[in-house]
Structure formats: C-alpha cells, structure tokens
Amino acid sequence: MDDALATFFASWGEADADARKAMIAKAIADGFTYSDPRSGGRLSGLDAVADYVGMFSANAPGWTASVDTADTVNDYTRATVAFGGKGPDGSDMIQHGTYFADTNADGKLVMLAGFVG
C-alpha cells in the first residue's frame, strides 16, 4: 500500500505527462476510482485520473505531493498528504489532505477518496 500511495502522489509533481501517467498506471488497479473535493465526482480509470492530476501540475507548477503519514485498519488505509510549493507571493505553502484508500491483493490502489485537512 505504502508504495502505491507514494508513487501515486509523487506523480502529482511530475511535469511530463507521459511520465506522470506511467507512474499512476504503476500505482492503480483496473477499475480504480478517485475522488476529492475538487474532482467534481468520482473519476474512474487511468485516463480520467491522469488528466485530473495533470491539471494540478499545470495549475501549480513546481508543487509536489507526498504522503506524510499512513496507517491501516482492517485493510483500509488512511493517509495524510502534504501538497506544497511556492505560493503566488513566492512564499512556501503547504496544504494537507486526508485520504482513504483500498487496495487489491497485488497492493495496487482500487479506490482513493480525499478530504480537505
């Protein structure tokens, strides 16, 4: 789980679209669904998720995302993710989100749902 989560969120800082999509593909299972407060609903599949993550990279150039903490209970993982980079005024900014994840037997992400804070 930790590897899939780390790879998935590392892709958010990848500027190259092909490399970003390859990272996401490595982390997710077929039928993967993703949602967060800004996604407009549940996203399904590699292309939709890669396009969404690409919007983050385009709108926040130079920003990264990384898993700060993760714990697992009954095969569900809760993770705190830090999104950070330079703000409009040039100062360092960090925003946190809480994510809940489910994986398959191969350790790939099946579902990831994020919440602010």
N, C-alpha and C. Protein backbone atom coordinates (compact mmCIF):
# COMPACT_ATOMS: atom_id res chain seq x y z
N MET A 1 0.82 -1.20 0.00
CA MET A 1 0.00 0.00 0.00
C MET A 1 0.85 1.25 0.00
N ASP A 2 1.82 1.28 0.90
CA ASP A 2 2.63 2.50 1.01
C ASP A 2 3.32 2.83 -0.30
N ASP A 3 3.81 1.81 -1.02
CA ASP A 3 4.46 2.06 -2.30
C ASP A 3 3.50 2.63 -3.32
N ALA A 4 2.29 2.06 -3.39
CA ALA A 4 1.30 2.55 -4.35
C ALA A 4 0.89 3.98 -4.02
N LEU A 5 0.66 4.26 -2.74
CA LEU A 5 0.32 5.63 -2.34
C LEU A 5 1.45 6.60 -2.65
N ALA A 6 2.67 6.22 -2.28
CA ALA A 6 3.82 7.10 -2.52
C ALA A 6 4.00 7.38 -4.01
N THR A 7 3.87 6.35 -4.82
CA THR A 7 4.02 6.52 -6.27
C THR A 7 2.90 7.39 -6.84
N PHE A 8 1.67 7.12 -6.40
CA PHE A 8 0.53 7.89 -6.89
C PHE A 8 0.73 9.38 -6.59
N PHE A 9 1.05 9.70 -5.36
CA PHE A 9 1.18 11.12 -5.02
C PHE A 9 2.46 11.74 -5.55
N ALA A 10 3.50 10.99 -5.73
CA ALA A 10 4.71 11.52 -6.37
C ALA A 10 4.40 11.97 -7.80
N SER A 11 3.44 11.30 -8.44
CA SER A 11 3.09 11.66 -9.82
C SER A 11 2.52 13.07 -9.91
N TRP A 12 1.97 13.59 -8.82
CA TRP A 12 1.37 14.93 -8.84
C TRP A 12 2.42 16.01 -9.11
N GLY A 13 3.67 15.76 -8.79
CA GLY A 13 4.72 16.73 -9.01
C GLY A 13 5.47 16.53 -10.33
N GLU A 14 5.08 15.52 -11.08
CA GLU A 14 5.75 15.20 -12.35
C GLU A 14 5.18 16.07 -13.47
N ALA A 15 6.03 16.89 -14.09
CA ALA A 15 5.59 17.80 -15.14
C ALA A 15 5.36 17.11 -16.48
N ASP A 16 6.09 16.03 -16.75
CA ASP A 16 5.97 15.33 -18.02
C ASP A 16 4.72 14.43 -18.00
N ALA A 17 3.79 14.67 -18.91
CA ALA A 17 2.51 13.96 -18.92
C ALA A 17 2.68 12.45 -19.09
N ASP A 18 3.58 12.02 -19.96
CA ASP A 18 3.77 10.58 -20.16
C ASP A 18 4.36 9.92 -18.94
N ALA A 19 5.34 10.55 -18.31
CA ALA A 19 5.95 10.00 -17.10
C ALA A 19 4.93 9.97 -15.96
N ARG A 20 4.13 11.04 -15.86
CA ARG A 20 3.09 11.11 -14.82
C ARG A 20 2.09 9.97 -15.00
N LYS A 21 1.63 9.75 -16.22
CA LYS A 21 0.65 8.70 -16.49
C LYS A 21 1.24 7.32 -16.20
N ALA A 22 2.50 7.11 -16.52
CA ALA A 22 3.16 5.83 -16.24
C ALA A 22 3.25 5.58 -14.73
N MET A 23 3.53 6.62 -13.97
CA MET A 23 3.58 6.48 -12.51
C MET A 23 2.21 6.11 -11.95
N ILE A 24 1.19 6.78 -12.43
CA ILE A 24 -0.17 6.49 -11.97
C ILE A 24 -0.54 5.06 -12.34
N ALA A 25 -0.24 4.65 -13.57
CA ALA A 25 -0.55 3.28 -14.02
C ALA A 25 0.11 2.24 -13.13
N LYS A 26 1.31 2.52 -12.67
CA LYS A 26 2.03 1.59 -11.80
C LYS A 26 1.34 1.44 -10.45
N ALA A 27 0.63 2.48 -10.00
CA ALA A 27 0.05 2.50 -8.66
C ALA A 27 -1.39 2.02 -8.59
N ILE A 28 -2.12 2.04 -9.71
CA ILE A 28 -3.56 1.77 -9.64
C ILE A 28 -3.94 0.46 -10.32
N ALA A 29 -5.04 -0.10 -9.87
CA ALA A 29 -5.60 -1.32 -10.45
C ALA A 29 -6.64 -0.95 -11.52
N ASP A 30 -6.97 -1.92 -12.36
CA ASP A 30 -8.07 -1.72 -13.31
C ASP A 30 -9.33 -1.38 -12.52
N GLY A 31 -10.12 -0.45 -13.02
CA GLY A 31 -11.35 -0.07 -12.36
C GLY A 31 -11.17 0.91 -11.21
N PHE A 32 -9.97 1.45 -11.05
CA PHE A 32 -9.66 2.40 -9.99
C PHE A 32 -10.62 3.59 -10.02
N THR A 33 -11.05 4.03 -8.82
CA THR A 33 -11.84 5.25 -8.71
C THR A 33 -11.16 6.22 -7.75
N TYR A 34 -11.29 7.50 -8.06
CA TYR A 34 -10.66 8.57 -7.28
C TYR A 34 -11.67 9.68 -7.09
N SER A 35 -11.66 10.28 -5.90
CA SER A 35 -12.46 11.49 -5.69
C SER A 35 -11.81 12.35 -4.62
N ASP A 36 -12.03 13.65 -4.73
CA ASP A 36 -11.63 14.62 -3.71
C ASP A 36 -12.57 15.80 -3.85
N PRO A 37 -12.49 16.79 -2.97
CA PRO A 37 -13.44 17.89 -3.03
C PRO A 37 -13.45 18.68 -4.34
N ARG A 38 -12.38 18.60 -5.11
CA ARG A 38 -12.30 19.38 -6.36
C ARG A 38 -12.54 18.56 -7.62
N SER A 39 -12.66 17.24 -7.47
CA SER A 39 -12.75 16.38 -8.65
C SER A 39 -14.10 16.42 -9.36
N GLY A 40 -15.11 17.00 -8.71
CA GLY A 40 -16.42 17.09 -9.35
C GLY A 40 -17.18 15.78 -9.36
N GLY A 41 -16.74 14.82 -8.60
CA GLY A 41 -17.37 13.50 -8.55
C GLY A 41 -16.31 12.43 -8.58
N ARG A 42 -16.73 11.21 -8.73
CA ARG A 42 -15.78 10.09 -8.79
C ARG A 42 -15.21 9.98 -10.19
N LEU A 43 -13.90 9.90 -10.25
CA LEU A 43 -13.21 9.70 -11.52
C LEU A 43 -12.87 8.22 -11.62
N SER A 44 -12.99 7.67 -12.81
CA SER A 44 -12.73 6.25 -12.99
C SER A 44 -11.76 6.02 -14.13
N GLY A 45 -10.75 5.20 -13.88
CA GLY A 45 -9.83 4.79 -14.93
C GLY A 45 -8.61 5.68 -15.05
N LEU A 46 -7.61 5.12 -15.70
CA LEU A 46 -6.30 5.77 -15.83
C LEU A 46 -6.37 7.11 -16.54
N ASP A 47 -7.04 7.18 -17.67
CA ASP A 47 -7.04 8.43 -18.44
C ASP A 47 -7.68 9.58 -17.66
N ALA A 48 -8.83 9.33 -17.05
CA ALA A 48 -9.52 10.39 -16.31
C ALA A 48 -8.68 10.86 -15.12
N VAL A 49 -8.08 9.92 -14.42
CA VAL A 49 -7.27 10.29 -13.25
C VAL A 49 -6.00 11.00 -13.68
N ALA A 50 -5.34 10.51 -14.72
CA ALA A 50 -4.11 11.16 -15.20
C ALA A 50 -4.40 12.59 -15.68
N ASP A 51 -5.53 12.79 -16.35
CA ASP A 51 -5.90 14.14 -16.79
C ASP A 51 -6.13 15.06 -15.58
N TYR A 52 -6.80 14.54 -14.56
CA TYR A 52 -7.07 15.33 -13.36
C TYR A 52 -5.78 15.71 -12.64
N VAL A 53 -4.91 14.74 -12.45
CA VAL A 53 -3.63 15.01 -11.79
C VAL A 53 -2.82 16.00 -12.64
N GLY A 54 -2.91 15.89 -13.94
CA GLY A 54 -2.22 16.82 -14.83
C GLY A 54 -2.69 18.25 -14.65
N MET A 55 -3.96 18.44 -14.31
CA MET A 55 -4.46 19.80 -14.05
C MET A 55 -3.78 20.40 -12.82
N PHE A 56 -3.52 19.57 -11.81
CA PHE A 56 -2.78 20.05 -10.63
C PHE A 56 -1.40 20.53 -11.06
N SER A 57 -0.70 19.70 -11.83
CA SER A 57 0.65 20.06 -12.28
C SER A 57 0.65 21.34 -13.10
N ALA A 58 -0.37 21.53 -13.93
CA ALA A 58 -0.45 22.72 -14.77
C ALA A 58 -0.81 23.96 -13.95
N ASN A 59 -1.70 23.81 -12.97
CA ASN A 59 -2.15 24.95 -12.18
C ASN A 59 -1.23 25.31 -11.03
N ALA A 60 -0.38 24.37 -10.62
CA ALA A 60 0.53 24.62 -9.51
C ALA A 60 1.93 24.12 -9.89
N PRO A 61 2.54 24.76 -10.91
CA PRO A 61 3.85 24.30 -11.36
C PRO A 61 4.88 24.32 -10.23
N GLY A 62 5.65 23.25 -10.15
CA GLY A 62 6.67 23.15 -9.13
C GLY A 62 6.18 22.59 -7.81
N TRP A 63 4.88 22.46 -7.65
CA TRP A 63 4.33 21.90 -6.41
C TRP A 63 4.48 20.39 -6.43
N THR A 64 4.56 19.81 -5.25
CA THR A 64 4.66 18.37 -5.10
C THR A 64 3.60 17.89 -4.11
N ALA A 65 3.43 16.59 -4.09
CA ALA A 65 2.55 15.95 -3.11
C ALA A 65 3.29 14.75 -2.54
N SER A 66 3.18 14.56 -1.25
CA SER A 66 3.83 13.41 -0.62
C SER A 66 3.03 12.94 0.58
N VAL A 67 3.13 11.65 0.85
CA VAL A 67 2.44 11.06 1.98
C VAL A 67 3.24 11.38 3.24
N ASP A 68 2.60 12.08 4.18
CA ASP A 68 3.23 12.39 5.47
C ASP A 68 3.10 11.22 6.43
N THR A 69 1.89 10.71 6.59
CA THR A 69 1.63 9.60 7.49
C THR A 69 0.60 8.67 6.86
N ALA A 70 0.65 7.41 7.23
CA ALA A 70 -0.35 6.45 6.78
C ALA A 70 -0.49 5.36 7.83
N ASP A 71 -1.73 4.96 8.07
CA ASP A 71 -1.97 3.83 8.95
C ASP A 71 -3.10 3.00 8.36
N THR A 72 -3.07 1.71 8.67
CA THR A 72 -4.03 0.78 8.09
C THR A 72 -4.80 0.08 9.19
N VAL A 73 -6.12 0.01 9.00
CA VAL A 73 -7.02 -0.69 9.90
C VAL A 73 -7.98 -1.52 9.05
N ASN A 74 -8.04 -2.81 9.30
CA ASN A 74 -8.95 -3.71 8.58
C ASN A 74 -8.81 -3.57 7.06
N ASP A 75 -7.59 -3.45 6.61
CA ASP A 75 -7.26 -3.37 5.18
C ASP A 75 -7.66 -2.06 4.50
N TYR A 76 -8.04 -1.04 5.27
CA TYR A 76 -8.25 0.30 4.72
C TYR A 76 -7.12 1.18 5.23
N THR A 77 -6.61 2.03 4.37
CA THR A 77 -5.53 2.91 4.77
C THR A 77 -6.01 4.35 4.80
N ARG A 78 -5.60 5.05 5.85
CA ARG A 78 -5.83 6.49 5.97
C ARG A 78 -4.47 7.15 5.85
N ALA A 79 -4.37 8.15 5.00
CA ALA A 79 -3.10 8.84 4.79
C ALA A 79 -3.29 10.35 4.87
N THR A 80 -2.31 11.01 5.44
CA THR A 80 -2.24 12.47 5.40
C THR A 80 -1.24 12.83 4.32
N VAL A 81 -1.67 13.66 3.38
CA VAL A 81 -0.84 14.02 2.23
C VAL A 81 -0.58 15.52 2.27
N ALA A 82 0.68 15.89 2.07
CA ALA A 82 1.09 17.29 2.02
C ALA A 82 1.30 17.71 0.57
N PHE A 83 0.62 18.78 0.19
CA PHE A 83 0.79 19.39 -1.13
C PHE A 83 1.54 20.69 -0.88
N GLY A 84 2.67 20.89 -1.52
CA GLY A 84 3.44 22.08 -1.22
C GLY A 84 4.20 22.64 -2.40
N GLY A 85 4.49 23.93 -2.27
CA GLY A 85 5.26 24.64 -3.27
C GLY A 85 5.23 26.12 -2.97
N LYS A 86 5.60 26.90 -3.94
CA LYS A 86 5.63 28.35 -3.80
C LYS A 86 4.25 28.93 -4.08
N GLY A 87 3.80 29.80 -3.19
CA GLY A 87 2.53 30.50 -3.38
C GLY A 87 2.69 31.66 -4.34
N PRO A 88 1.60 32.34 -4.64
CA PRO A 88 1.64 33.47 -5.56
C PRO A 88 2.60 34.58 -5.14
N ASP A 89 2.82 34.71 -3.83
CA ASP A 89 3.73 35.74 -3.34
C ASP A 89 5.17 35.25 -3.21
N GLY A 90 5.43 34.00 -3.63
CA GLY A 90 6.78 33.45 -3.57
C GLY A 90 7.12 32.75 -2.27
N SER A 91 6.21 32.78 -1.31
CA SER A 91 6.49 32.10 -0.04
C SER A 91 6.11 30.61 -0.14
N ASP A 92 6.75 29.80 0.70
CA ASP A 92 6.44 28.37 0.74
C ASP A 92 5.06 28.16 1.35
N MET A 93 4.30 27.27 0.72
CA MET A 93 2.95 26.95 1.20
C MET A 93 2.81 25.44 1.29
N ILE A 94 2.03 24.99 2.26
CA ILE A 94 1.69 23.58 2.37
C ILE A 94 0.20 23.47 2.68
N GLN A 95 -0.46 22.58 1.97
CA GLN A 95 -1.85 22.26 2.23
C GLN A 95 -1.92 20.76 2.48
N HIS A 96 -2.74 20.36 3.45
CA HIS A 96 -2.86 18.94 3.77
C HIS A 96 -4.23 18.40 3.38
N GLY A 97 -4.24 17.13 3.03
CA GLY A 97 -5.48 16.42 2.77
C GLY A 97 -5.43 15.07 3.46
N THR A 98 -6.59 14.55 3.78
CA THR A 98 -6.70 13.21 4.33
C THR A 98 -7.33 12.31 3.27
N TYR A 99 -6.72 11.17 3.05
CA TYR A 99 -7.17 10.24 2.02
C TYR A 99 -7.46 8.89 2.64
N PHE A 100 -8.47 8.22 2.11
CA PHE A 100 -8.80 6.85 2.49
C PHE A 100 -8.65 5.99 1.25
N ALA A 101 -7.95 4.87 1.42
CA ALA A 101 -7.60 4.03 0.28
C ALA A 101 -7.94 2.57 0.52
N ASP A 102 -8.19 1.89 -0.58
CA ASP A 102 -8.38 0.45 -0.58
C ASP A 102 -7.51 -0.10 -1.70
N THR A 103 -6.94 -1.28 -1.47
CA THR A 103 -6.06 -1.90 -2.46
C THR A 103 -6.53 -3.31 -2.78
N ASN A 104 -5.95 -3.85 -3.86
CA ASN A 104 -6.22 -5.23 -4.20
C ASN A 104 -5.11 -6.12 -3.63
N ALA A 105 -5.17 -7.41 -3.94
CA ALA A 105 -4.19 -8.37 -3.41
C ALA A 105 -2.77 -8.08 -3.89
N ASP A 106 -2.63 -7.37 -5.01
CA ASP A 106 -1.31 -7.02 -5.54
C ASP A 106 -0.76 -5.72 -4.96
N GLY A 107 -1.52 -5.09 -4.08
CA GLY A 107 -1.07 -3.84 -3.46
C GLY A 107 -1.35 -2.60 -4.29
N LYS A 108 -2.10 -2.76 -5.38
CA LYS A 108 -2.45 -1.60 -6.21
C LYS A 108 -3.71 -0.94 -5.68
N LEU A 109 -3.78 0.36 -5.85
CA LEU A 109 -4.94 1.13 -5.40
C LEU A 109 -6.18 0.78 -6.21
N VAL A 110 -7.27 0.52 -5.51
CA VAL A 110 -8.56 0.25 -6.13
C VAL A 110 -9.46 1.47 -5.99
N MET A 111 -9.35 2.16 -4.84
CA MET A 111 -10.17 3.32 -4.54
C MET A 111 -9.35 4.26 -3.68
N LEU A 112 -9.50 5.56 -3.95
CA LEU A 112 -8.85 6.60 -3.16
C LEU A 112 -9.82 7.76 -3.06
N ALA A 113 -10.16 8.15 -1.83
CA ALA A 113 -11.07 9.26 -1.59
C ALA A 113 -10.39 10.26 -0.67
N GLY A 114 -10.34 11.52 -1.10
CA GLY A 114 -9.64 12.55 -0.35
C GLY A 114 -10.58 13.59 0.22
N PHE A 115 -10.15 14.16 1.37
CA PHE A 115 -10.90 15.18 2.07
C PHE A 115 -9.95 16.30 2.47
N VAL A 116 -10.43 17.53 2.53
CA VAL A 116 -9.61 18.67 2.91
C VAL A 116 -9.22 18.54 4.38
N GLY A 117 -7.96 18.87 4.66
CA GLY A 117 -7.49 18.92 6.04
C GLY A 117 -7.06 17.61 6.62
